[in-house]
Amino acid sequence: MQEIADSHKEIGAEIKVTVAEGDPATEIVKQVIQNGHDLVIKSVDGQTVGKLFGGIARSLLRICPYPLWLLKPDIDGEFDRMLTAVDFDASDEAHRNPNQKLIEILSLIHI
């Protein structure tokens, strides 16, 4: 994993590899909270029979307090449209900030 991360340094990407033990979704959320990430992007295994997402993705949908972008590599490619849900009536800072970040992220993505 570190070799893959290092191969992207030449384009200016800073990729940190972290290894953790425990429930994958819980460990991902811990990293997100501890490091103040703005967005979680997860590749979803396309081989889950009869289900849209596997167990880790479903857990993240339930417990991740930050925006979550799930991608199916065999389906997702170039995007024609994107959708995000924001709460424009959020009354406290904790809910307003993630909403604003989502809007900023989507405005930067060129489709």
PDB file of N, CA and C in Angstrom:
ATOM      1  N   MET A   1       0.826  -1.189   0.000  1.00  0.00           N
ATOM      2  CA  MET A   1       0.000   0.000   0.000  1.00  0.00           C
ATOM      3  C   MET A   1       0.868   1.250   0.000  1.00  0.00           C
ATOM      4  N   GLN A   2       1.973   1.200   0.745  1.00  0.00           N
ATOM      5  CA  GLN A   2       2.849   2.369   0.794  1.00  0.00           C
ATOM      6  C   GLN A   2       3.473   2.654  -0.568  1.00  0.00           C
ATOM      7  N   GLU A   3       3.802   1.605  -1.323  1.00  0.00           N
ATOM      8  CA  GLU A   3       4.367   1.787  -2.661  1.00  0.00           C
ATOM      9  C   GLU A   3       3.370   2.490  -3.580  1.00  0.00           C
ATOM     10  N   ILE A   4       2.110   2.104  -3.496  1.00  0.00           N
ATOM     11  CA  ILE A   4       1.075   2.750  -4.309  1.00  0.00           C
ATOM     12  C   ILE A   4       0.951   4.212  -3.906  1.00  0.00           C
ATOM     13  N   ALA A   5       0.933   4.481  -2.605  1.00  0.00           N
ATOM     14  CA  ALA A   5       0.839   5.862  -2.120  1.00  0.00           C
ATOM     15  C   ALA A   5       2.030   6.685  -2.600  1.00  0.00           C
ATOM     16  N   ASP A   6       3.231   6.114  -2.496  1.00  0.00           N
ATOM     17  CA  ASP A   6       4.437   6.835  -2.909  1.00  0.00           C
ATOM     18  C   ASP A   6       4.456   7.130  -4.407  1.00  0.00           C
ATOM     19  N   SER A   7       3.847   6.262  -5.199  1.00  0.00           N
ATOM     20  CA  SER A   7       3.848   6.468  -6.652  1.00  0.00           C
ATOM     21  C   SER A   7       3.043   7.698  -7.066  1.00  0.00           C
ATOM     22  N   HIS A   8       2.230   8.250  -6.176  1.00  0.00           N
ATOM     23  CA  HIS A   8       1.425   9.427  -6.500  1.00  0.00           C
ATOM     24  C   HIS A   8       2.052  10.734  -6.011  1.00  0.00           C
ATOM     25  N   LYS A   9       3.200  10.650  -5.368  1.00  0.00           N
ATOM     26  CA  LYS A   9       3.858  11.854  -4.857  1.00  0.00           C
ATOM     27  C   LYS A   9       4.260  12.806  -5.975  1.00  0.00           C
ATOM     28  N   GLU A  10       4.635  12.254  -7.135  1.00  0.00           N
ATOM     29  CA  GLU A  10       5.108  13.091  -8.233  1.00  0.00           C
ATOM     30  C   GLU A  10       4.034  14.035  -8.770  1.00  0.00           C
ATOM     31  N   ILE A  11       2.757  13.704  -8.546  1.00  0.00           N
ATOM     32  CA  ILE A  11       1.690  14.614  -8.992  1.00  0.00           C
ATOM     33  C   ILE A  11       1.208  15.505  -7.845  1.00  0.00           C
ATOM     34  N   GLY A  12       1.901  15.414  -6.710  1.00  0.00           N
ATOM     35  CA  GLY A  12       1.577  16.294  -5.588  1.00  0.00           C
ATOM     36  C   GLY A  12       0.537  15.753  -4.631  1.00  0.00           C
ATOM     37  N   ALA A  13       0.170  14.487  -4.775  1.00  0.00           N
ATOM     38  CA  ALA A  13      -0.827  13.909  -3.880  1.00  0.00           C
ATOM     39  C   ALA A  13      -0.157  13.454  -2.593  1.00  0.00           C
ATOM     40  N   GLU A  14      -0.704  13.882  -1.477  1.00  0.00           N
ATOM     41  CA  GLU A  14      -0.199  13.448  -0.179  1.00  0.00           C
ATOM     42  C   GLU A  14      -1.109  12.335   0.333  1.00  0.00           C
ATOM     43  N   ILE A  15      -0.576  11.121   0.352  1.00  0.00           N
ATOM     44  CA  ILE A  15      -1.371   9.967   0.762  1.00  0.00           C
ATOM     45  C   ILE A  15      -0.721   9.347   1.986  1.00  0.00           C
ATOM     46  N   LYS A  16      -1.483   9.231   3.051  1.00  0.00           N
ATOM     47  CA  LYS A  16      -1.006   8.642   4.293  1.00  0.00           C
ATOM     48  C   LYS A  16      -1.613   7.253   4.434  1.00  0.00           C
ATOM     49  N   VAL A  17      -0.785   6.252   4.659  1.00  0.00           N
ATOM     50  CA  VAL A  17      -1.252   4.878   4.838  1.00  0.00           C
ATOM     51  C   VAL A  17      -1.341   4.604   6.330  1.00  0.00           C
ATOM     52  N   THR A  18      -2.499   4.138   6.774  1.00  0.00           N
ATOM     53  CA  THR A  18      -2.709   3.804   8.178  1.00  0.00           C
ATOM     54  C   THR A  18      -3.243   2.390   8.259  1.00  0.00           C
ATOM     55  N   VAL A  19      -2.682   1.602   9.144  1.00  0.00           N
ATOM     56  CA  VAL A  19      -3.146   0.233   9.370  1.00  0.00           C
ATOM     57  C   VAL A  19      -3.794   0.198  10.745  1.00  0.00           C
ATOM     58  N   ALA A  20      -5.001  -0.348  10.822  1.00  0.00           N
ATOM     59  CA  ALA A  20      -5.726  -0.413  12.094  1.00  0.00           C
ATOM     60  C   ALA A  20      -6.351  -1.786  12.252  1.00  0.00           C
ATOM     61  N   GLU A  21      -6.576  -2.173  13.488  1.00  0.00           N
ATOM     62  CA  GLU A  21      -7.240  -3.434  13.787  1.00  0.00           C
ATOM     63  C   GLU A  21      -8.610  -3.144  14.367  1.00  0.00           C
ATOM     64  N   GLY A  22      -9.575  -4.012  14.075  1.00  0.00           N
ATOM     65  CA  GLY A  22     -10.919  -3.857  14.618  1.00  0.00           C
ATOM     66  C   GLY A  22     -11.947  -3.857  13.513  1.00  0.00           C
ATOM     67  N   ASP A  23     -13.138  -3.434  13.849  1.00  0.00           N
ATOM     68  CA  ASP A  23     -14.226  -3.337  12.873  1.00  0.00           C
ATOM     69  C   ASP A  23     -13.859  -2.276  11.834  1.00  0.00           C
ATOM     70  N   PRO A  24     -13.840  -2.635  10.541  1.00  0.00           N
ATOM     71  CA  PRO A  24     -13.384  -1.682   9.517  1.00  0.00           C
ATOM     72  C   PRO A  24     -14.142  -0.355   9.513  1.00  0.00           C
ATOM     73  N   ALA A  25     -15.456  -0.392   9.571  1.00  0.00           N
ATOM     74  CA  ALA A  25     -16.234   0.857   9.524  1.00  0.00           C
ATOM     75  C   ALA A  25     -15.924   1.732  10.736  1.00  0.00           C
ATOM     76  N   THR A  26     -15.851   1.126  11.902  1.00  0.00           N
ATOM     77  CA  THR A  26     -15.544   1.879  13.121  1.00  0.00           C
ATOM     78  C   THR A  26     -14.158   2.498  13.039  1.00  0.00           C
ATOM     79  N   GLU A  27     -13.188   1.742  12.540  1.00  0.00           N
ATOM     80  CA  GLU A  27     -11.824   2.255  12.432  1.00  0.00           C
ATOM     81  C   GLU A  27     -11.735   3.389  11.409  1.00  0.00           C
ATOM     82  N   ILE A  28     -12.474   3.282  10.315  1.00  0.00           N
ATOM     83  CA  ILE A  28     -12.505   4.356   9.319  1.00  0.00           C
ATOM     84  C   ILE A  28     -13.071   5.625   9.944  1.00  0.00           C
ATOM     85  N   VAL A  29     -14.173   5.498  10.666  1.00  0.00           N
ATOM     86  CA  VAL A  29     -14.805   6.658  11.303  1.00  0.00           C
ATOM     87  C   VAL A  29     -13.866   7.276  12.341  1.00  0.00           C
ATOM     88  N   LYS A  30     -13.152   6.447  13.100  1.00  0.00           N
ATOM     89  CA  LYS A  30     -12.183   6.979  14.071  1.00  0.00           C
ATOM     90  C   LYS A  30     -11.134   7.833  13.366  1.00  0.00           C
ATOM     91  N   GLN A  31     -10.612   7.349  12.240  1.00  0.00           N
ATOM     92  CA  GLN A  31      -9.612   8.099  11.484  1.00  0.00           C
ATOM     93  C   GLN A  31     -10.183   9.411  10.950  1.00  0.00           C
ATOM     94  N   VAL A  32     -11.407   9.355  10.474  1.00  0.00           N
ATOM     95  CA  VAL A  32     -12.060  10.554   9.935  1.00  0.00           C
ATOM     96  C   VAL A  32     -12.180  11.613  11.020  1.00  0.00           C
ATOM     97  N   ILE A  33     -12.631  11.206  12.200  1.00  0.00           N
ATOM     98  CA  ILE A  33     -12.819  12.151  13.302  1.00  0.00           C
ATOM     99  C   ILE A  33     -11.481  12.674  13.812  1.00  0.00           C
ATOM    100  N   GLN A  34     -10.510  11.777  14.032  1.00  0.00           N
ATOM    101  CA  GLN A  34      -9.213  12.186  14.571  1.00  0.00           C
ATOM    102  C   GLN A  34      -8.454  13.118  13.638  1.00  0.00           C
ATOM    103  N   ASN A  35      -8.601  12.928  12.341  1.00  0.00           N
ATOM    104  CA  ASN A  35      -7.814  13.704  11.381  1.00  0.00           C
ATOM    105  C   ASN A  35      -8.597  14.801  10.679  1.00  0.00           C
ATOM    106  N   GLY A  36      -9.872  14.956  10.998  1.00  0.00           N
ATOM    107  CA  GLY A  36     -10.665  16.044  10.441  1.00  0.00           C
ATOM    108  C   GLY A  36     -10.858  15.995   8.937  1.00  0.00           C
ATOM    109  N   HIS A  37     -11.047  14.800   8.386  1.00  0.00           N
ATOM    110  CA  HIS A  37     -11.270  14.676   6.941  1.00  0.00           C
ATOM    111  C   HIS A  37     -12.631  15.251   6.561  1.00  0.00           C
ATOM    112  N   ASP A  38     -12.745  15.727   5.342  1.00  0.00           N
ATOM    113  CA  ASP A  38     -13.985  16.343   4.867  1.00  0.00           C
ATOM    114  C   ASP A  38     -14.890  15.379   4.120  1.00  0.00           C
ATOM    115  N   LEU A  39     -14.328  14.295   3.601  1.00  0.00           N
ATOM    116  CA  LEU A  39     -15.092  13.392   2.755  1.00  0.00           C
ATOM    117  C   LEU A  39     -14.496  11.998   2.860  1.00  0.00           C
ATOM    118  N   VAL A  40     -15.349  10.973   2.912  1.00  0.00           N
ATOM    119  CA  VAL A  40     -14.913   9.581   2.900  1.00  0.00           C
ATOM    120  C   VAL A  40     -15.339   8.993   1.562  1.00  0.00           C
ATOM    121  N   ILE A  41     -14.371   8.452   0.818  1.00  0.00           N
ATOM    122  CA  ILE A  41     -14.658   7.797  -0.452  1.00  0.00           C
ATOM    123  C   ILE A  41     -14.301   6.333  -0.287  1.00  0.00           C
ATOM    124  N   LYS A  42     -15.249   5.453  -0.596  1.00  0.00           N
ATOM    125  CA  LYS A  42     -15.011   4.021  -0.438  1.00  0.00           C
ATOM    126  C   LYS A  42     -15.437   3.292  -1.698  1.00  0.00           C
ATOM    127  N   SER A  43     -14.552   2.411  -2.143  1.00  0.00           N
ATOM    128  CA  SER A  43     -14.880   1.528  -3.246  1.00  0.00           C
ATOM    129  C   SER A  43     -15.751   0.399  -2.699  1.00  0.00           C
ATOM    130  N   VAL A  44     -16.805   0.072  -3.416  1.00  0.00           N
ATOM    131  CA  VAL A  44     -17.739  -0.957  -2.975  1.00  0.00           C
ATOM    132  C   VAL A  44     -17.555  -2.187  -3.835  1.00  0.00           C
ATOM    133  N   ASP A  45     -17.421  -3.331  -3.198  1.00  0.00           N
ATOM    134  CA  ASP A  45     -17.246  -4.591  -3.913  1.00  0.00           C
ATOM    135  C   ASP A  45     -18.500  -4.874  -4.726  1.00  0.00           C
ATOM    136  N   GLY A  46     -18.335  -5.036  -6.018  1.00  0.00           N
ATOM    137  CA  GLY A  46     -19.465  -5.274  -6.906  1.00  0.00           C
ATOM    138  C   GLY A  46     -19.958  -6.701  -6.900  1.00  0.00           C
ATOM    139  N   GLN A  47     -19.342  -7.583  -6.078  1.00  0.00           N
ATOM    140  CA  GLN A  47     -19.708  -8.988  -6.094  1.00  0.00           C
ATOM    141  C   GLN A  47     -20.665  -9.371  -4.978  1.00  0.00           C
ATOM    142  N   THR A  48     -21.227  -8.405  -4.287  1.00  0.00           N
ATOM    143  CA  THR A  48     -22.191  -8.691  -3.240  1.00  0.00           C
ATOM    144  C   THR A  48     -23.501  -9.099  -3.906  1.00  0.00           C
ATOM    145  N   VAL A  49     -23.863 -10.364  -3.786  1.00  0.00           N
ATOM    146  CA  VAL A  49     -25.029 -10.916  -4.478  1.00  0.00           C
ATOM    147  C   VAL A  49     -26.318 -10.440  -3.810  1.00  0.00           C
ATOM    148  N   GLY A  50     -27.206  -9.859  -4.606  1.00  0.00           N
ATOM    149  CA  GLY A  50     -28.529  -9.475  -4.126  1.00  0.00           C
ATOM    150  C   GLY A  50     -28.554  -8.253  -3.240  1.00  0.00           C
ATOM    151  N   LYS A  51     -27.431  -7.594  -3.043  1.00  0.00           N
ATOM    152  CA  LYS A  51     -27.390  -6.402  -2.195  1.00  0.00           C
ATOM    153  C   LYS A  51     -26.699  -5.284  -2.957  1.00  0.00           C
ATOM    154  N   LEU A  52     -27.103  -4.060  -2.649  1.00  0.00           N
ATOM    155  CA  LEU A  52     -26.500  -2.905  -3.291  1.00  0.00           C
ATOM    156  C   LEU A  52     -25.081  -2.682  -2.786  1.00  0.00           C
ATOM    157  N   PHE A  53     -24.877  -2.805  -1.464  1.00  0.00           N
ATOM    158  CA  PHE A  53     -23.570  -2.585  -0.853  1.00  0.00           C
ATOM    159  C   PHE A  53     -23.256  -3.708   0.107  1.00  0.00           C
ATOM    160  N   GLY A  54     -21.959  -3.906   0.368  1.00  0.00           N
ATOM    161  CA  GLY A  54     -21.514  -4.888   1.340  1.00  0.00           C
ATOM    162  C   GLY A  54     -21.645  -4.354   2.761  1.00  0.00           C
ATOM    163  N   GLY A  55     -21.195  -5.146   3.710  1.00  0.00           N
ATOM    164  CA  GLY A  55     -21.357  -4.829   5.128  1.00  0.00           C
ATOM    165  C   GLY A  55     -20.654  -3.570   5.589  1.00  0.00           C
ATOM    166  N   ILE A  56     -19.417  -3.356   5.135  1.00  0.00           N
ATOM    167  CA  ILE A  56     -18.670  -2.169   5.573  1.00  0.00           C
ATOM    168  C   ILE A  56     -19.357  -0.902   5.063  1.00  0.00           C
ATOM    169  N   ALA A  57     -19.767  -0.901   3.809  1.00  0.00           N
ATOM    170  CA  ALA A  57     -20.442   0.273   3.245  1.00  0.00           C
ATOM    171  C   ALA A  57     -21.746   0.558   3.983  1.00  0.00           C
ATOM    172  N   ARG A  58     -22.512  -0.486   4.280  1.00  0.00           N
ATOM    173  CA  ARG A  58     -23.770  -0.285   5.010  1.00  0.00           C
ATOM    174  C   ARG A  58     -23.510   0.280   6.406  1.00  0.00           C
ATOM    175  N   SER A  59     -22.468  -0.232   7.064  1.00  0.00           N
ATOM    176  CA  SER A  59     -22.119   0.297   8.395  1.00  0.00           C
ATOM    177  C   SER A  59     -21.707   1.759   8.309  1.00  0.00           C
ATOM    178  N   LEU A  60     -20.908   2.097   7.302  1.00  0.00           N
ATOM    179  CA  LEU A  60     -20.492   3.488   7.137  1.00  0.00           C
ATOM    180  C   LEU A  60     -21.686   4.400   6.890  1.00  0.00           C
ATOM    181  N   LEU A  61     -22.648   3.922   6.109  1.00  0.00           N
ATOM    182  CA  LEU A  61     -23.856   4.724   5.868  1.00  0.00           C
ATOM    183  C   LEU A  61     -24.581   5.035   7.177  1.00  0.00           C
ATOM    184  N   ARG A  62     -24.521   4.098   8.111  1.00  0.00           N
ATOM    185  CA  ARG A  62     -25.198   4.298   9.401  1.00  0.00           C
ATOM    186  C   ARG A  62     -24.401   5.165  10.366  1.00  0.00           C
ATOM    187  N   ILE A  63     -23.071   4.986  10.422  1.00  0.00           N
ATOM    188  CA  ILE A  63     -22.322   5.606  11.518  1.00  0.00           C
ATOM    189  C   ILE A  63     -21.397   6.748  11.131  1.00  0.00           C
ATOM    190  N   CYS A  64     -21.100   6.936   9.862  1.00  0.00           N
ATOM    191  CA  CYS A  64     -20.138   7.965   9.463  1.00  0.00           C
ATOM    192  C   CYS A  64     -20.760   9.356   9.592  1.00  0.00           C
ATOM    193  N   PRO A  65     -20.153  10.241  10.399  1.00  0.00           N
ATOM    194  CA  PRO A  65     -20.736  11.568  10.614  1.00  0.00           C
ATOM    195  C   PRO A  65     -20.370  12.586   9.530  1.00  0.00           C
ATOM    196  N   TYR A  66     -19.611  12.153   8.534  1.00  0.00           N
ATOM    197  CA  TYR A  66     -19.169  13.043   7.469  1.00  0.00           C
ATOM    198  C   TYR A  66     -19.682  12.546   6.125  1.00  0.00           C
ATOM    199  N   PRO A  67     -19.601  13.372   5.094  1.00  0.00           N
ATOM    200  CA  PRO A  67     -20.065  12.942   3.770  1.00  0.00           C
ATOM    201  C   PRO A  67     -19.363  11.657   3.324  1.00  0.00           C
ATOM    202  N   LEU A  68     -20.139  10.768   2.733  1.00  0.00           N
ATOM    203  CA  LEU A  68     -19.650   9.458   2.305  1.00  0.00           C
ATOM    204  C   LEU A  68     -19.959   9.278   0.833  1.00  0.00           C
ATOM    205  N   TRP A  69     -18.946   8.936   0.048  1.00  0.00           N
ATOM    206  CA  TRP A  69     -19.104   8.731  -1.384  1.00  0.00           C
ATOM    207  C   TRP A  69     -18.754   7.285  -1.669  1.00  0.00           C
ATOM    208  N   LEU A  70     -19.747   6.482  -2.044  1.00  0.00           N
ATOM    209  CA  LEU A  70     -19.546   5.071  -2.343  1.00  0.00           C
ATOM    210  C   LEU A  70     -19.502   4.888  -3.853  1.00  0.00           C
ATOM    211  N   LEU A  71     -18.477   4.186  -4.328  1.00  0.00           N
ATOM    212  CA  LEU A  71     -18.288   3.964  -5.752  1.00  0.00           C
ATOM    213  C   LEU A  71     -18.239   2.482  -6.056  1.00  0.00           C
ATOM    214  N   LYS A  72     -18.909   2.080  -7.117  1.00  0.00           N
ATOM    215  CA  LYS A  72     -18.788   0.708  -7.623  1.00  0.00           C
ATOM    216  C   LYS A  72     -17.908   0.774  -8.851  1.00  0.00           C
ATOM    217  N   PRO A  73     -16.664   0.258  -8.755  1.00  0.00           N
ATOM    218  CA  PRO A  73     -15.719   0.405  -9.868  1.00  0.00           C
ATOM    219  C   PRO A  73     -16.213  -0.154 -11.187  1.00  0.00           C
ATOM    220  N   ASP A  74     -16.996  -1.220 -11.144  1.00  0.00           N
ATOM    221  CA  ASP A  74     -17.464  -1.800 -12.400  1.00  0.00           C
ATOM    222  C   ASP A  74     -18.623  -1.024 -13.007  1.00  0.00           C
ATOM    223  N   ILE A  75     -19.199  -0.106 -12.264  1.00  0.00           N
ATOM    224  CA  ILE A  75     -20.330   0.691 -12.754  1.00  0.00           C
ATOM    225  C   ILE A  75     -19.937   2.157 -12.924  1.00  0.00           C
ATOM    226  N   ASP A  76     -19.331   2.725 -11.863  1.00  0.00           N
ATOM    227  CA  ASP A  76     -19.003   4.144 -11.875  1.00  0.00           C
ATOM    228  C   ASP A  76     -17.821   4.408 -12.791  1.00  0.00           C
ATOM    229  N   GLY A  77     -17.938   5.434 -13.542  1.00  0.00           N
ATOM    230  CA  GLY A  77     -16.861   5.867 -14.419  1.00  0.00           C
ATOM    231  C   GLY A  77     -16.934   7.367 -14.460  1.00  0.00           C
ATOM    232  N   GLU A  78     -17.280   7.894 -15.602  1.00  0.00           N
ATOM    233  CA  GLU A  78     -17.503   9.326 -15.682  1.00  0.00           C
ATOM    234  C   GLU A  78     -18.919   9.615 -15.212  1.00  0.00           C
ATOM    235  N   PHE A  79     -19.078  10.742 -14.565  1.00  0.00           N
ATOM    236  CA  PHE A  79     -20.367  11.068 -13.979  1.00  0.00           C
ATOM    237  C   PHE A  79     -21.113  12.073 -14.845  1.00  0.00           C
ATOM    238  N   ASP A  80     -22.375  11.779 -15.094  1.00  0.00           N
ATOM    239  CA  ASP A  80     -23.222  12.723 -15.799  1.00  0.00           C
ATOM    240  C   ASP A  80     -23.886  13.673 -14.815  1.00  0.00           C
ATOM    241  N   ARG A  81     -24.269  13.128 -13.663  1.00  0.00           N
ATOM    242  CA  ARG A  81     -24.963  13.918 -12.643  1.00  0.00           C
ATOM    243  C   ARG A  81     -24.494  13.471 -11.267  1.00  0.00           C
ATOM    244  N   MET A  82     -24.563  14.393 -10.317  1.00  0.00           N
ATOM    245  CA  MET A  82     -24.237  14.058  -8.936  1.00  0.00           C
ATOM    246  C   MET A  82     -25.327  14.630  -8.053  1.00  0.00           C
ATOM    247  N   LEU A  83     -25.546  13.965  -6.936  1.00  0.00           N
ATOM    248  CA  LEU A  83     -26.576  14.388  -5.998  1.00  0.00           C
ATOM    249  C   LEU A  83     -25.994  14.378  -4.600  1.00  0.00           C
ATOM    250  N   THR A  84     -26.281  15.392  -3.847  1.00  0.00           N
ATOM    251  CA  THR A  84     -25.930  15.394  -2.434  1.00  0.00           C
ATOM    252  C   THR A  84     -27.104  15.961  -1.661  1.00  0.00           C
ATOM    253  N   ALA A  85     -27.258  15.486  -0.440  1.00  0.00           N
ATOM    254  CA  ALA A  85     -28.335  15.979   0.421  1.00  0.00           C
ATOM    255  C   ALA A  85     -27.737  16.914   1.453  1.00  0.00           C
ATOM    256  N   VAL A  86     -28.256  18.112   1.522  1.00  0.00           N
ATOM    257  CA  VAL A  86     -27.797  19.071   2.525  1.00  0.00           C
ATOM    258  C   VAL A  86     -28.993  19.618   3.273  1.00  0.00           C
ATOM    259  N   ASP A  87     -28.741  20.035   4.491  1.00  0.00           N
ATOM    260  CA  ASP A  87     -29.788  20.594   5.335  1.00  0.00           C
ATOM    261  C   ASP A  87     -29.584  22.102   5.409  1.00  0.00           C
ATOM    262  N   PHE A  88     -30.310  22.855   4.585  1.00  0.00           N
ATOM    263  CA  PHE A  88     -30.145  24.306   4.550  1.00  0.00           C
ATOM    264  C   PHE A  88     -30.714  24.978   5.791  1.00  0.00           C
ATOM    265  N   ASP A  89     -31.511  24.248   6.548  1.00  0.00           N
ATOM    266  CA  ASP A  89     -32.082  24.803   7.765  1.00  0.00           C
ATOM    267  C   ASP A  89     -31.301  24.399   9.009  1.00  0.00           C
ATOM    268  N   ALA A  90     -30.104  23.874   8.842  1.00  0.00           N
ATOM    269  CA  ALA A  90     -29.305  23.442   9.992  1.00  0.00           C
ATOM    270  C   ALA A  90     -29.103  24.615  10.938  1.00  0.00           C
ATOM    271  N   SER A  91     -29.432  24.391  12.188  1.00  0.00           N
ATOM    272  CA  SER A  91     -29.402  25.492  13.142  1.00  0.00           C
ATOM    273  C   SER A  91     -28.096  25.605  13.916  1.00  0.00           C
ATOM    274  N   ASP A  92     -27.295  24.549  13.930  1.00  0.00           N
ATOM    275  CA  ASP A  92     -26.049  24.631  14.690  1.00  0.00           C
ATOM    276  C   ASP A  92     -24.832  24.463  13.792  1.00  0.00           C
ATOM    277  N   GLU A  93     -23.698  24.939  14.285  1.00  0.00           N
ATOM    278  CA  GLU A  93     -22.442  24.935  13.529  1.00  0.00           C
ATOM    279  C   GLU A  93     -22.023  23.535  13.095  1.00  0.00           C
ATOM    280  N   ALA A  94     -22.247  22.541  13.962  1.00  0.00           N
ATOM    281  CA  ALA A  94     -21.829  21.164  13.670  1.00  0.00           C
ATOM    282  C   ALA A  94     -22.516  20.614  12.425  1.00  0.00           C
ATOM    283  N   HIS A  95     -23.727  21.085  12.118  1.00  0.00           N
ATOM    284  CA  HIS A  95     -24.438  20.623  10.930  1.00  0.00           C
ATOM    285  C   HIS A  95     -24.239  21.555   9.736  1.00  0.00           C
ATOM    286  N   ARG A  96     -24.037  22.831  10.001  1.00  0.00           N
ATOM    287  CA  ARG A  96     -23.841  23.787   8.906  1.00  0.00           C
ATOM    288  C   ARG A  96     -22.520  23.558   8.183  1.00  0.00           C
ATOM    289  N   ASN A  97     -21.438  23.303   8.922  1.00  0.00           N
ATOM    290  CA  ASN A  97     -20.121  23.143   8.304  1.00  0.00           C
ATOM    291  C   ASN A  97     -20.063  21.990   7.302  1.00  0.00           C
ATOM    292  N   PRO A  98     -20.510  20.769   7.661  1.00  0.00           N
ATOM    293  CA  PRO A  98     -20.486  19.691   6.666  1.00  0.00           C
ATOM    294  C   PRO A  98     -21.333  20.009   5.434  1.00  0.00           C
ATOM    295  N   ASN A  99     -22.472  20.667   5.621  1.00  0.00           N
ATOM    296  CA  ASN A  99     -23.303  21.048   4.482  1.00  0.00           C
ATOM    297  C   ASN A  99     -22.535  21.984   3.557  1.00  0.00           C
ATOM    298  N   GLN A 100     -21.857  22.962   4.134  1.00  0.00           N
ATOM    299  CA  GLN A 100     -21.077  23.919   3.337  1.00  0.00           C
ATOM    300  C   GLN A 100     -19.945  23.209   2.617  1.00  0.00           C
ATOM    301  N   LYS A 101     -19.268  22.259   3.290  1.00  0.00           N
ATOM    302  CA  LYS A 101     -18.173  21.508   2.666  1.00  0.00           C
ATOM    303  C   LYS A 101     -18.686  20.717   1.464  1.00  0.00           C
ATOM    304  N   LEU A 102     -19.851  20.080   1.594  1.00  0.00           N
ATOM    305  CA  LEU A 102     -20.415  19.327   0.477  1.00  0.00           C
ATOM    306  C   LEU A 102     -20.638  20.224  -0.735  1.00  0.00           C
ATOM    307  N   ILE A 103     -21.194  21.385  -0.497  1.00  0.00           N
ATOM    308  CA  ILE A 103     -21.452  22.316  -1.591  1.00  0.00           C
ATOM    309  C   ILE A 103     -20.134  22.742  -2.237  1.00  0.00           C
ATOM    310  N   GLU A 104     -19.112  23.017  -1.421  1.00  0.00           N
ATOM    311  CA  GLU A 104     -17.806  23.415  -1.955  1.00  0.00           C
ATOM    312  C   GLU A 104     -17.180  22.290  -2.776  1.00  0.00           C
ATOM    313  N   ILE A 105     -17.226  21.062  -2.252  1.00  0.00           N
ATOM    314  CA  ILE A 105     -16.642  19.925  -2.962  1.00  0.00           C
ATOM    315  C   ILE A 105     -17.326  19.717  -4.304  1.00  0.00           C
ATOM    316  N   LEU A 106     -18.649  19.731  -4.320  1.00  0.00           N
ATOM    317  CA  LEU A 106     -19.365  19.506  -5.575  1.00  0.00           C
ATOM    318  C   LEU A 106     -19.135  20.628  -6.576  1.00  0.00           C
ATOM    319  N   SER A 107     -18.935  21.849  -6.076  1.00  0.00           N
ATOM    320  CA  SER A 107     -18.705  22.951  -7.011  1.00  0.00           C
ATOM    321  C   SER A 107     -17.324  22.858  -7.655  1.00  0.00           C
ATOM    322  N   LEU A 108     -16.388  22.111  -7.042  1.00  0.00           N
ATOM    323  CA  LEU A 108     -15.046  21.963  -7.584  1.00  0.00           C
ATOM    324  C   LEU A 108     -14.929  20.809  -8.569  1.00  0.00           C
ATOM    325  N   ILE A 109     -15.879  19.884  -8.521  1.00  0.00           N
ATOM    326  CA  ILE A 109     -15.819  18.712  -9.389  1.00  0.00           C
ATOM    327  C   ILE A 109     -16.405  19.073 -10.740  1.00  0.00           C
ATOM    328  N   HIS A 110     -15.616  18.856 -11.763  1.00  0.00           N
ATOM    329  CA  HIS A 110     -16.070  19.142 -13.133  1.00  0.00           C
ATOM    330  C   HIS A 110     -16.579  17.873 -13.756  1.00  0.00           C
ATOM    331  N   ILE A 111     -17.823  17.882 -14.143  1.00  0.00           N
ATOM    332  CA  ILE A 111     -18.414  16.687 -14.731  1.00  0.00           C
ATOM    333  C   ILE A 111     -18.472  16.852 -16.230  1.00  0.00           C
TER     334      ILE A 111
END
